[in-house]
């Protein structure tokens, strides 16, 4: 059943870690190598990307698209990780199991540098198209794969774009998840009831997302993205004087990792570093905080 009321005007009086007025959740999506790819034996190629040519048949191997994803794993992700390290920021990685298998160096770097890896599927595919048995298999595959490559099992989950009607129940059935992010319904965590169990949702957002560099109307340059991130923090800082808030920011190595675009992230990290009341937290830390302080 849909909940169109939520917290209403009775937002919980959140006291974030560090007494922050705004908690910023940086999410780096790591999908490179798990997308649909004719060269990997898939019947169709990936049709979502920065340089997808409308005249290219989806069943033809598209070396251009393949190489843009490879850029993300070979170059862009490392640039983003280095920027985060420069400012002492920890993030959550939405990681696809097979993508991490194909780049074990970056998989171990994520956890070695203190980032959390949450499950983003085994493949970067549509879970809402799966029947329950297929989706259960994919969730279990992702958990085992991510645990093997990173050294830590995922306790958070986010599907590509949208979950199925069964996803949340299957996550609870699996038994090892503290939260999922398969909602855009709020700006702070909230509890849902699934059968007889309470389950935590740490909502995600798509507005402050670098994917809009190639999805219109979107960012025409780094300046627009940086200004949007800054304005988002400023708004939530003001509201956070009475009701602390949370800002989710979505990033991709193959997008924000480009030299010119990365300046938007650098300027934002510098701004937050100098602005009192802003704290960067991994989603697992937010989830644990909510579990400990705000019971269902």
Protein backbone atom coordinates (compact mmCIF):
# COMPACT_ATOMS: atom_id res chain seq x y z
CA UNK A 1 0.00 0.00 0.00
CA UNK A 2 1.31 3.46 -0.90
CA UNK A 3 2.03 5.94 1.87
CA UNK A 4 1.41 9.49 0.65
CA UNK A 5 1.55 11.03 4.13
CA UNK A 6 4.92 10.02 5.56
CA UNK A 7 6.09 12.13 8.48
CA UNK A 8 3.77 15.01 7.60
CA UNK A 9 4.77 18.05 9.68
CA UNK A 10 6.00 15.82 12.50
CA UNK A 11 9.50 15.13 11.25
CA UNK A 12 11.52 13.34 13.92
CA UNK A 13 13.95 15.56 15.78
CA UNK A 14 17.02 13.88 14.39
CA UNK A 15 20.29 14.41 16.16
CA UNK A 16 22.80 13.30 13.59
CA UNK A 17 26.32 12.10 14.37
CA UNK A 18 28.67 15.06 14.91
CA UNK A 19 25.53 17.14 15.71
CA UNK A 20 25.34 17.85 11.99
CA UNK A 21 22.45 19.85 10.56
CA UNK A 22 22.88 18.09 7.22
CA UNK A 23 24.21 14.60 6.61
CA UNK A 24 25.51 14.17 3.06
CA UNK A 25 25.46 10.67 1.61
CA UNK A 26 27.79 10.39 -1.37
CA UNK A 27 27.00 7.35 -3.50
CA UNK A 28 29.42 6.15 -6.16
CA UNK A 29 27.67 3.72 -8.49
CA UNK A 30 30.08 1.05 -9.72
CA UNK A 31 28.48 -0.78 -12.66
CA UNK A 32 31.27 -0.98 -15.24
CA UNK A 33 31.50 -4.49 -16.66
CA UNK A 34 28.07 -5.62 -15.47
CA UNK A 35 26.00 -3.74 -18.04
CA UNK A 36 24.43 -5.48 -21.04
CA UNK A 37 27.14 -6.13 -23.62
CA UNK A 38 27.01 -8.08 -26.87
CA UNK A 39 30.78 -8.58 -26.59
CA UNK A 40 30.20 -10.43 -23.32
CA UNK A 41 27.62 -12.73 -24.88
CA UNK A 42 24.42 -10.86 -24.06
CA UNK A 43 21.72 -10.88 -26.77
CA UNK A 44 21.45 -7.08 -26.57
CA UNK A 45 23.86 -4.27 -25.77
CA UNK A 46 23.49 -1.45 -23.24
CA UNK A 47 21.37 1.41 -24.57
CA UNK A 48 21.77 3.74 -21.60
CA UNK A 49 24.92 5.82 -21.69
CA UNK A 50 26.55 9.04 -22.71
CA UNK A 51 27.47 8.05 -26.25
CA UNK A 52 24.64 5.75 -27.34
CA UNK A 53 24.05 6.16 -31.05
CA UNK A 54 20.36 5.90 -32.00
CA UNK A 55 21.25 4.36 -35.37
CA UNK A 56 23.18 1.49 -33.75
CA UNK A 57 21.30 -1.80 -33.64
CA UNK A 58 21.17 -3.00 -30.02
CA UNK A 59 22.26 -6.45 -31.20
CA UNK A 60 25.45 -5.10 -32.78
CA UNK A 61 28.56 -4.91 -30.64
CA UNK A 62 29.06 -1.24 -29.75
CA UNK A 63 32.73 -0.69 -29.02
CA UNK A 64 32.10 2.98 -28.28
CA UNK A 65 29.70 2.26 -25.43
CA UNK A 66 31.93 -0.54 -24.14
CA UNK A 67 34.92 1.78 -23.95
CA UNK A 68 33.02 4.52 -22.09
CA UNK A 69 32.20 2.00 -19.36
CA UNK A 70 35.83 0.86 -19.36
CA UNK A 71 36.89 4.47 -18.81
CA UNK A 72 34.86 4.48 -15.62
CA UNK A 73 36.69 1.51 -14.16
CA UNK A 74 40.15 2.32 -15.52
CA UNK A 75 40.27 6.08 -14.87
CA UNK A 76 37.19 7.85 -13.56
CA UNK A 77 36.60 5.80 -10.41
CA UNK A 78 40.17 6.32 -9.26
CA UNK A 79 39.89 10.09 -9.77
CA UNK A 80 36.74 10.17 -7.62
CA UNK A 81 38.33 8.01 -4.91
CA UNK A 82 41.37 10.27 -4.81
CA UNK A 83 39.18 13.36 -4.43
CA UNK A 84 37.32 11.75 -1.55
CA UNK A 85 40.59 10.80 0.10
CA UNK A 86 41.87 14.36 -0.25
CA UNK A 87 38.94 15.62 1.85
CA UNK A 88 38.69 12.63 4.18
CA UNK A 89 35.22 11.70 2.93
CA UNK A 90 33.76 8.18 3.10
CA UNK A 91 31.02 7.11 0.73
CA UNK A 92 28.73 4.23 -0.10
CA UNK A 93 29.45 2.29 -3.28
CA UNK A 94 26.43 0.87 -5.09
CA UNK A 95 28.39 -2.06 -6.48
CA UNK A 96 27.33 -4.70 -9.01
CA UNK A 97 28.79 -8.11 -8.24
CA UNK A 98 30.12 -8.92 -11.68
CA UNK A 99 31.59 -5.45 -12.13
CA UNK A 100 33.65 -5.92 -8.96
CA UNK A 101 34.70 -9.41 -10.05
CA UNK A 102 36.17 -7.93 -13.22
CA UNK A 103 38.20 -5.32 -11.36
CA UNK A 104 39.35 -6.89 -8.08
CA UNK A 105 41.87 -4.08 -7.62
CA UNK A 106 39.16 -1.45 -7.26
CA UNK A 107 36.93 -3.82 -5.26
CA UNK A 108 39.56 -4.13 -2.54
CA UNK A 109 40.39 -0.43 -2.76
CA UNK A 110 36.83 0.46 -1.84
CA UNK A 111 36.93 -1.30 1.51
CA UNK A 112 40.62 -0.61 2.14
CA UNK A 113 39.85 3.11 1.91
CA UNK A 114 36.92 2.80 4.30
CA UNK A 115 34.02 2.99 1.87
CA UNK A 116 30.90 0.83 2.24
CA UNK A 117 29.88 -1.42 -0.65
CA UNK A 118 26.12 -1.93 -0.89
CA UNK A 119 24.49 -4.41 -3.24
CA UNK A 120 23.48 -3.06 -6.65
CA UNK A 121 22.59 -6.41 -8.15
CA UNK A 122 24.87 -9.02 -9.62
CA UNK A 123 24.29 -7.56 -13.07
CA UNK A 124 23.22 -3.99 -13.88
CA UNK A 125 19.82 -5.13 -15.12
CA UNK A 126 16.14 -4.52 -14.39
CA UNK A 127 14.99 -6.39 -11.29
CA UNK A 128 11.39 -5.35 -11.88
CA UNK A 129 11.33 -7.69 -14.89
CA UNK A 130 12.31 -10.75 -12.82
CA UNK A 131 10.09 -13.39 -11.29
CA UNK A 132 10.68 -14.10 -7.56
CA UNK A 133 12.89 -17.17 -8.10
CA UNK A 134 15.13 -15.38 -10.59
CA UNK A 135 15.40 -12.29 -8.40
CA UNK A 136 16.17 -14.37 -5.31
CA UNK A 137 19.00 -16.04 -7.23
CA UNK A 138 20.36 -12.67 -8.38
CA UNK A 139 20.32 -11.24 -4.84
CA UNK A 140 22.13 -14.28 -3.46
CA UNK A 141 24.67 -14.14 -6.29
CA UNK A 142 25.35 -10.46 -5.59
CA UNK A 143 25.83 -11.01 -1.85
CA UNK A 144 28.27 -13.88 -2.33
CA UNK A 145 30.17 -12.10 -5.10
CA UNK A 146 30.57 -8.77 -3.26
CA UNK A 147 31.64 -10.53 -0.06
CA UNK A 148 34.32 -12.43 -2.01
CA UNK A 149 35.75 -9.47 -3.91
CA UNK A 150 35.62 -6.77 -1.23
CA UNK A 151 36.05 -8.87 1.91
CA UNK A 152 32.76 -7.57 3.37
CA UNK A 153 29.20 -8.70 2.70
CA UNK A 154 26.74 -5.95 1.70
CA UNK A 155 24.15 -4.89 4.29
CA UNK A 156 22.44 -2.32 2.03
CA UNK A 157 20.70 -2.72 -1.33
CA UNK A 158 19.67 -0.64 -4.34
CA UNK A 159 18.27 -1.99 -7.63
CA UNK A 160 18.82 -0.46 -11.02
CA UNK A 161 16.13 2.26 -11.29
CA UNK A 162 13.28 0.37 -9.62
CA UNK A 163 12.76 -2.76 -7.53
CA UNK A 164 10.14 -5.39 -8.22
CA UNK A 165 7.14 -5.81 -5.95
CA UNK A 166 9.05 -8.74 -4.39
CA UNK A 167 12.47 -7.15 -3.82
CA UNK A 168 12.00 -5.95 -0.25
CA UNK A 169 10.47 -9.24 0.89
CA UNK A 170 13.35 -11.16 -0.71
CA UNK A 171 15.93 -8.96 1.04
CA UNK A 172 14.29 -9.69 4.39
CA UNK A 173 14.17 -13.38 3.50
CA UNK A 174 17.92 -13.33 2.76
CA UNK A 175 18.41 -12.12 6.31
CA UNK A 176 21.58 -10.04 6.18
CA UNK A 177 20.35 -6.59 5.15
CA UNK A 178 20.03 -3.60 7.49
CA UNK A 179 18.38 -1.37 4.90
CA UNK A 180 17.53 -0.77 1.27
CA UNK A 181 17.53 2.41 -0.82
CA UNK A 182 14.81 1.47 -3.29
CA UNK A 183 12.69 4.56 -2.70
CA UNK A 184 12.73 8.24 -3.59
CA UNK A 185 9.85 9.05 -1.23
CA UNK A 186 11.60 11.07 1.49
CA UNK A 187 14.80 12.83 2.55
CA UNK A 188 15.45 10.91 5.76
CA UNK A 189 15.17 7.21 6.64
CA UNK A 190 11.84 5.62 7.52
CA UNK A 191 10.49 2.24 8.56
CA UNK A 192 8.15 0.06 6.53
CA UNK A 193 6.22 -3.06 7.53
CA UNK A 194 6.76 -6.12 5.35
CA UNK A 195 4.51 -8.94 6.50
CA UNK A 196 5.36 -9.18 10.21
CA UNK A 197 8.78 -7.53 9.98
CA UNK A 198 9.91 -3.92 10.24
CA UNK A 199 12.46 -2.90 7.62
CA UNK A 200 14.46 0.31 7.24
CA UNK A 201 14.49 2.37 4.05
CA UNK A 202 17.29 4.90 3.53
CA UNK A 203 15.85 6.73 0.53
CA UNK A 204 17.92 7.74 -2.47
CA UNK A 205 17.36 10.64 -4.89
CA UNK A 206 17.92 11.19 -8.60
CA UNK A 207 17.95 14.99 -8.79
CA UNK A 208 21.48 15.55 -7.43
CA UNK A 209 22.90 12.98 -9.80
CA UNK A 210 25.69 13.26 -12.35
CA UNK A 211 23.71 11.13 -14.83
CA UNK A 212 21.93 14.34 -15.79
CA UNK A 213 25.08 15.36 -17.67
CA UNK A 214 23.74 13.23 -20.51
CA UNK A 215 20.03 13.01 -19.68
CA UNK A 216 18.16 16.16 -20.60
CA UNK A 217 17.25 18.53 -19.33
CA UNK A 218 20.36 18.28 -17.23
CA UNK A 219 23.74 19.78 -16.46
CA UNK A 220 25.41 21.64 -19.31
CA UNK A 221 28.67 21.85 -17.39
CA UNK A 222 30.38 21.37 -14.05
CA UNK A 223 29.28 24.82 -12.88
CA UNK A 224 25.58 23.95 -13.03
CA UNK A 225 26.06 20.69 -11.13
CA UNK A 226 28.22 22.35 -8.47
CA UNK A 227 25.69 25.15 -7.98
CA UNK A 228 22.84 22.67 -7.61
CA UNK A 229 24.75 20.70 -4.97
CA UNK A 230 25.67 23.88 -3.11
CA UNK A 231 22.09 25.20 -3.21
CA UNK A 232 20.79 21.84 -1.95
CA UNK A 233 23.12 21.94 1.06
CA UNK A 234 22.28 25.58 1.78
CA UNK A 235 18.54 24.86 1.79
CA UNK A 236 18.92 21.86 4.09
CA UNK A 237 21.29 23.75 6.40
CA UNK A 238 18.61 26.38 6.90
CA UNK A 239 15.93 23.77 7.56
CA UNK A 240 18.39 21.84 9.71
CA UNK A 241 18.32 24.52 12.39
CA UNK A 242 15.15 22.84 13.64
CA UNK A 243 14.90 19.53 11.74
CA UNK A 244 18.20 18.04 10.56
CA UNK A 245 18.07 16.61 7.05
CA UNK A 246 19.92 14.30 4.66
CA UNK A 247 21.19 14.88 1.11
CA UNK A 248 21.82 11.98 -1.29
CA UNK A 249 24.19 12.57 -4.20
CA UNK A 250 24.61 10.03 -7.01
CA UNK A 251 27.93 9.70 -8.84
CA UNK A 252 29.45 7.44 -11.51
CA UNK A 253 33.13 7.08 -12.33
CA UNK A 254 32.46 7.14 -16.07
CA UNK A 255 30.57 10.45 -15.70
CA UNK A 256 31.82 12.65 -12.84
CA UNK A 257 35.27 11.10 -13.24
CA UNK A 258 35.90 13.13 -16.41
CA UNK A 259 38.45 15.90 -15.73
CA UNK A 260 36.18 18.87 -16.33
CA UNK A 261 33.22 17.41 -14.47
CA UNK A 262 35.29 16.31 -11.51
CA UNK A 263 35.82 19.97 -10.67
CA UNK A 264 32.16 20.14 -9.62
CA UNK A 265 32.75 17.44 -7.03
CA UNK A 266 36.00 19.04 -5.90
CA UNK A 267 34.33 22.43 -5.39
CA UNK A 268 31.48 20.82 -3.49
CA UNK A 269 33.78 18.88 -1.17
CA UNK A 270 35.78 22.03 -0.52
CA UNK A 271 32.60 24.00 0.21
CA UNK A 272 31.29 21.40 2.67
CA UNK A 273 34.72 21.10 4.29
CA UNK A 274 34.56 24.81 5.16
CA UNK A 275 30.86 24.90 6.11
CA UNK A 276 29.87 24.13 9.73
CA UNK A 277 27.00 21.72 10.21
CA UNK A 278 27.73 19.40 7.27
CA UNK A 279 28.82 15.82 7.87
CA UNK A 280 29.53 13.07 5.32
CA UNK A 281 28.24 9.65 6.39
CA UNK A 282 28.12 6.25 4.73
CA UNK A 283 24.63 4.86 4.34
CA UNK A 284 25.43 1.93 6.61
CA UNK A 285 26.33 4.39 9.37
CA UNK A 286 23.09 6.30 8.81
CA UNK A 287 21.16 3.02 8.94
CA UNK A 288 22.86 1.89 12.15
CA UNK A 289 22.20 5.31 13.70
CA UNK A 290 18.53 5.04 12.83
CA UNK A 291 18.27 1.47 14.13
CA UNK A 292 19.79 2.59 17.43
CA UNK A 293 17.87 5.85 17.91
CA UNK A 294 14.57 5.69 16.05
CA UNK A 295 12.71 2.45 16.55
CA UNK A 296 9.72 1.43 14.40
